[in-house]
Structures are given as C-alpha cells and as structure tokens.
Amino acid sequence: MLGQRHCGWSEAPPRRPGRIILAGTVELNGQRVSVEIPVGLTQSGSRLRASFSFAISLDGLKIHRPALLFVRVEDRLMIEGDLLLE
C-alpha cells in the first residue's frame, strides 16, 4: 500500500511540461521507506496529466524474494502511474 501524501499547489499548475519531485512513504509488508518520486506534468486545455515511475528495494522492505532454479528475482520493484486530472 502506498502511504498517503497530501500535496497543495503553491502556485498555479504549469502551463508547459514540467517536472516536480514529491516526497512520500511506501508501506508494504508492514515496512515503510521514504521515497522521492519524480512526477512529469503536462497540461492540455483544462486537463493535467501527471506521470511517475520509481523503484524500491524488496530487501529494504524485508520481502522474501522467490527463486526459480536457485536464481532469486530482482531486488528492484518498479512502480509506475499515470494520472489524468480533469
């Protein structure tokens, strides 16, 4: 589960493509890690699109990584999202 993060605009949303960094918390398996999430912003008319992608460590969250033929899956978990605000 992703931790809750409340954000407020200190100024109007960008009129041109931009990038901001949001600080947040990822909670999984009862463990929490702080993350910085780069968010790409684009506006088209009254719509604002926010796209993001970031990686977290499964070992850092104390999640046992399964193995296939004695080879463990990668430690990195990618989380991606695309939000459209109208």
N, C-alpha and C. Protein backbone atom coordinates (compact mmCIF):
# COMPACT_ATOMS: atom_id res chain seq x y z
N MET A 1 0.84 -1.17 0.00
CA MET A 1 0.00 0.00 0.00
C MET A 1 0.89 1.24 0.00
N LEU A 2 0.58 2.17 -0.85
CA LEU A 2 1.33 3.42 -0.86
C LEU A 2 0.84 4.29 0.27
N GLY A 3 1.77 4.92 0.96
CA GLY A 3 1.39 5.84 2.03
C GLY A 3 0.67 7.04 1.47
N GLN A 4 -0.14 7.66 2.28
CA GLN A 4 -0.87 8.83 1.83
C GLN A 4 0.05 10.02 1.75
N ARG A 5 -0.16 10.82 0.76
CA ARG A 5 0.62 12.04 0.60
C ARG A 5 -0.33 13.12 0.15
N HIS A 6 -0.40 14.19 0.89
CA HIS A 6 -1.26 15.31 0.53
C HIS A 6 -0.39 16.43 -0.01
N CYS A 7 -0.75 16.91 -1.17
CA CYS A 7 0.05 17.95 -1.81
C CYS A 7 -0.84 19.14 -2.09
N GLY A 8 -0.30 20.30 -1.97
CA GLY A 8 -1.03 21.51 -2.32
C GLY A 8 -0.20 22.31 -3.30
N TRP A 9 -0.86 22.96 -4.22
CA TRP A 9 -0.15 23.80 -5.18
C TRP A 9 0.17 25.12 -4.50
N SER A 10 1.42 25.50 -4.53
CA SER A 10 1.81 26.80 -4.00
C SER A 10 1.64 27.86 -5.09
N GLU A 11 1.44 27.40 -6.29
CA GLU A 11 1.19 28.28 -7.41
C GLU A 11 0.32 27.52 -8.40
N ALA A 12 -0.13 28.19 -9.45
CA ALA A 12 -0.98 27.54 -10.45
C ALA A 12 -0.23 26.40 -11.12
N PRO A 13 -0.95 25.36 -11.58
CA PRO A 13 -0.30 24.27 -12.30
C PRO A 13 0.45 24.80 -13.52
N PRO A 14 1.48 24.10 -13.94
CA PRO A 14 2.30 24.60 -15.05
C PRO A 14 1.53 24.68 -16.34
N ARG A 15 1.83 25.68 -17.15
CA ARG A 15 1.20 25.85 -18.47
C ARG A 15 2.00 25.10 -19.54
N ARG A 16 3.18 24.67 -19.20
CA ARG A 16 4.03 23.92 -20.14
C ARG A 16 4.54 22.68 -19.42
N PRO A 17 5.03 21.70 -20.16
CA PRO A 17 5.53 20.49 -19.50
C PRO A 17 6.54 20.83 -18.40
N GLY A 18 6.47 20.11 -17.31
CA GLY A 18 7.39 20.36 -16.21
C GLY A 18 7.63 19.09 -15.42
N ARG A 19 8.46 19.21 -14.42
CA ARG A 19 8.80 18.06 -13.58
C ARG A 19 8.91 18.55 -12.15
N ILE A 20 8.28 17.82 -11.23
CA ILE A 20 8.39 18.13 -9.82
C ILE A 20 8.82 16.87 -9.09
N ILE A 21 9.30 17.02 -7.88
CA ILE A 21 9.68 15.89 -7.05
C ILE A 21 8.76 15.89 -5.83
N LEU A 22 8.07 14.77 -5.61
CA LEU A 22 7.22 14.61 -4.43
C LEU A 22 7.90 13.67 -3.45
N ALA A 23 7.85 14.01 -2.18
CA ALA A 23 8.36 13.13 -1.13
C ALA A 23 7.18 12.34 -0.58
N GLY A 24 7.38 11.07 -0.33
CA GLY A 24 6.30 10.23 0.17
C GLY A 24 6.83 9.02 0.92
N THR A 25 5.91 8.17 1.31
CA THR A 25 6.23 6.96 2.04
C THR A 25 5.56 5.77 1.36
N VAL A 26 6.33 4.72 1.14
CA VAL A 26 5.78 3.46 0.63
C VAL A 26 5.72 2.50 1.81
N GLU A 27 4.54 1.91 2.01
CA GLU A 27 4.37 0.93 3.08
C GLU A 27 3.94 -0.39 2.46
N LEU A 28 4.73 -1.41 2.70
CA LEU A 28 4.47 -2.74 2.18
C LEU A 28 4.99 -3.75 3.19
N ASN A 29 4.27 -4.79 3.42
CA ASN A 29 4.73 -5.85 4.31
C ASN A 29 5.02 -5.34 5.73
N GLY A 30 4.29 -4.29 6.14
CA GLY A 30 4.50 -3.72 7.46
C GLY A 30 5.74 -2.88 7.60
N GLN A 31 6.46 -2.67 6.50
CA GLN A 31 7.68 -1.87 6.50
C GLN A 31 7.42 -0.58 5.74
N ARG A 32 8.10 0.48 6.14
CA ARG A 32 7.97 1.77 5.47
C ARG A 32 9.33 2.26 4.98
N VAL A 33 9.31 2.85 3.79
CA VAL A 33 10.50 3.50 3.27
C VAL A 33 10.10 4.86 2.70
N SER A 34 10.96 5.83 2.91
CA SER A 34 10.74 7.16 2.33
C SER A 34 11.25 7.16 0.90
N VAL A 35 10.49 7.82 0.03
CA VAL A 35 10.88 7.87 -1.38
C VAL A 35 10.71 9.29 -1.90
N GLU A 36 11.48 9.62 -2.91
CA GLU A 36 11.29 10.84 -3.67
C GLU A 36 10.84 10.41 -5.05
N ILE A 37 9.71 10.94 -5.48
CA ILE A 37 9.08 10.50 -6.72
C ILE A 37 9.11 11.63 -7.75
N PRO A 38 9.84 11.45 -8.85
CA PRO A 38 9.80 12.45 -9.91
C PRO A 38 8.49 12.33 -10.67
N VAL A 39 7.80 13.45 -10.83
CA VAL A 39 6.49 13.46 -11.50
C VAL A 39 6.58 14.40 -12.69
N GLY A 40 6.25 13.88 -13.86
CA GLY A 40 6.20 14.70 -15.07
C GLY A 40 4.80 15.27 -15.22
N LEU A 41 4.71 16.57 -15.47
CA LEU A 41 3.41 17.25 -15.59
C LEU A 41 3.25 17.83 -16.98
N THR A 42 2.08 17.59 -17.59
CA THR A 42 1.74 18.22 -18.86
C THR A 42 0.30 18.67 -18.78
N GLN A 43 0.02 19.79 -19.42
CA GLN A 43 -1.34 20.32 -19.41
C GLN A 43 -1.83 20.44 -20.83
N SER A 44 -3.09 20.06 -21.03
CA SER A 44 -3.74 20.18 -22.32
C SER A 44 -5.15 20.72 -22.06
N GLY A 45 -5.34 21.98 -22.36
CA GLY A 45 -6.63 22.61 -22.05
C GLY A 45 -6.85 22.63 -20.55
N SER A 46 -7.97 22.05 -20.11
CA SER A 46 -8.26 22.02 -18.67
C SER A 46 -7.76 20.73 -18.01
N ARG A 47 -7.10 19.89 -18.78
CA ARG A 47 -6.60 18.61 -18.25
C ARG A 47 -5.14 18.72 -17.82
N LEU A 48 -4.83 18.06 -16.73
CA LEU A 48 -3.45 17.98 -16.25
C LEU A 48 -3.09 16.51 -16.10
N ARG A 49 -2.01 16.10 -16.75
CA ARG A 49 -1.54 14.72 -16.67
C ARG A 49 -0.28 14.67 -15.83
N ALA A 50 -0.28 13.74 -14.87
CA ALA A 50 0.88 13.52 -14.00
C ALA A 50 1.33 12.08 -14.19
N SER A 51 2.56 11.89 -14.64
CA SER A 51 3.12 10.56 -14.86
C SER A 51 4.32 10.37 -13.96
N PHE A 52 4.43 9.18 -13.37
CA PHE A 52 5.56 8.93 -12.47
C PHE A 52 6.02 7.50 -12.56
N SER A 53 7.25 7.28 -12.12
CA SER A 53 7.85 5.96 -12.09
C SER A 53 9.00 6.01 -11.09
N PHE A 54 9.06 5.01 -10.22
CA PHE A 54 10.16 4.93 -9.27
C PHE A 54 10.36 3.49 -8.84
N ALA A 55 11.55 3.20 -8.33
CA ALA A 55 11.90 1.84 -7.92
C ALA A 55 12.12 1.79 -6.41
N ILE A 56 11.77 0.65 -5.82
CA ILE A 56 12.06 0.41 -4.41
C ILE A 56 12.69 -0.96 -4.28
N SER A 57 13.41 -1.15 -3.19
CA SER A 57 14.11 -2.41 -2.94
C SER A 57 13.22 -3.36 -2.14
N LEU A 58 13.06 -4.59 -2.64
CA LEU A 58 12.30 -5.60 -1.90
C LEU A 58 13.03 -5.98 -0.62
N ASP A 59 14.36 -6.07 -0.69
CA ASP A 59 15.14 -6.38 0.51
C ASP A 59 14.97 -5.29 1.56
N GLY A 60 14.91 -4.02 1.10
CA GLY A 60 14.72 -2.91 2.02
C GLY A 60 13.38 -2.96 2.74
N LEU A 61 12.40 -3.61 2.11
CA LEU A 61 11.08 -3.78 2.72
C LEU A 61 10.95 -5.13 3.42
N LYS A 62 12.05 -5.85 3.49
CA LYS A 62 12.10 -7.17 4.13
C LYS A 62 11.10 -8.15 3.51
N ILE A 63 11.04 -8.12 2.18
CA ILE A 63 10.18 -9.04 1.43
C ILE A 63 11.07 -10.15 0.88
N HIS A 64 10.71 -11.38 1.19
CA HIS A 64 11.48 -12.53 0.69
C HIS A 64 11.31 -12.62 -0.83
N ARG A 65 12.42 -12.66 -1.53
CA ARG A 65 12.39 -12.76 -2.99
C ARG A 65 12.38 -14.23 -3.40
N PRO A 66 11.37 -14.66 -4.14
CA PRO A 66 11.34 -16.06 -4.57
C PRO A 66 12.45 -16.35 -5.58
N ALA A 67 12.75 -17.63 -5.75
CA ALA A 67 13.79 -18.05 -6.68
C ALA A 67 13.22 -19.06 -7.66
N LEU A 68 13.76 -19.05 -8.86
CA LEU A 68 13.43 -20.03 -9.88
C LEU A 68 14.75 -20.68 -10.28
N LEU A 69 14.86 -21.96 -10.06
CA LEU A 69 16.10 -22.69 -10.32
C LEU A 69 17.28 -22.05 -9.58
N PHE A 70 17.06 -21.72 -8.32
CA PHE A 70 18.07 -21.17 -7.41
C PHE A 70 18.52 -19.75 -7.76
N VAL A 71 17.82 -19.10 -8.66
CA VAL A 71 18.14 -17.71 -9.01
C VAL A 71 17.03 -16.83 -8.48
N ARG A 72 17.37 -15.92 -7.59
CA ARG A 72 16.39 -15.03 -6.98
C ARG A 72 15.90 -13.98 -7.98
N VAL A 73 14.64 -13.57 -7.83
CA VAL A 73 14.12 -12.49 -8.66
C VAL A 73 14.84 -11.21 -8.29
N GLU A 74 14.79 -10.26 -9.17
CA GLU A 74 15.48 -8.98 -8.97
C GLU A 74 14.99 -8.28 -7.71
N ASP A 75 15.87 -7.58 -7.05
CA ASP A 75 15.56 -6.87 -5.80
C ASP A 75 14.73 -5.62 -6.06
N ARG A 76 14.68 -5.16 -7.27
CA ARG A 76 14.05 -3.89 -7.60
C ARG A 76 12.59 -4.07 -8.02
N LEU A 77 11.71 -3.31 -7.40
CA LEU A 77 10.29 -3.30 -7.75
C LEU A 77 9.98 -1.94 -8.36
N MET A 78 9.49 -1.93 -9.60
CA MET A 78 9.15 -0.68 -10.28
C MET A 78 7.67 -0.36 -10.05
N ILE A 79 7.41 0.87 -9.67
CA ILE A 79 6.03 1.34 -9.50
C ILE A 79 5.85 2.50 -10.48
N GLU A 80 4.81 2.38 -11.30
CA GLU A 80 4.55 3.39 -12.33
C GLU A 80 3.09 3.82 -12.25
N GLY A 81 2.84 5.06 -12.62
CA GLY A 81 1.47 5.55 -12.61
C GLY A 81 1.29 6.68 -13.61
N ASP A 82 0.05 6.86 -14.03
CA ASP A 82 -0.31 7.91 -14.95
C ASP A 82 -1.68 8.43 -14.52
N LEU A 83 -1.73 9.66 -14.07
CA LEU A 83 -2.98 10.25 -13.58
C LEU A 83 -3.45 11.33 -14.53
N LEU A 84 -4.74 11.35 -14.79
CA LEU A 84 -5.32 12.40 -15.62
C LEU A 84 -6.32 13.16 -14.76
N LEU A 85 -6.05 14.43 -14.54
CA LEU A 85 -6.91 15.28 -13.72
C LEU A 85 -7.71 16.19 -14.65
N GLU A 86 -9.03 16.14 -14.50
CA GLU A 86 -9.88 16.96 -15.36
C GLU A 86 -10.61 18.00 -14.56
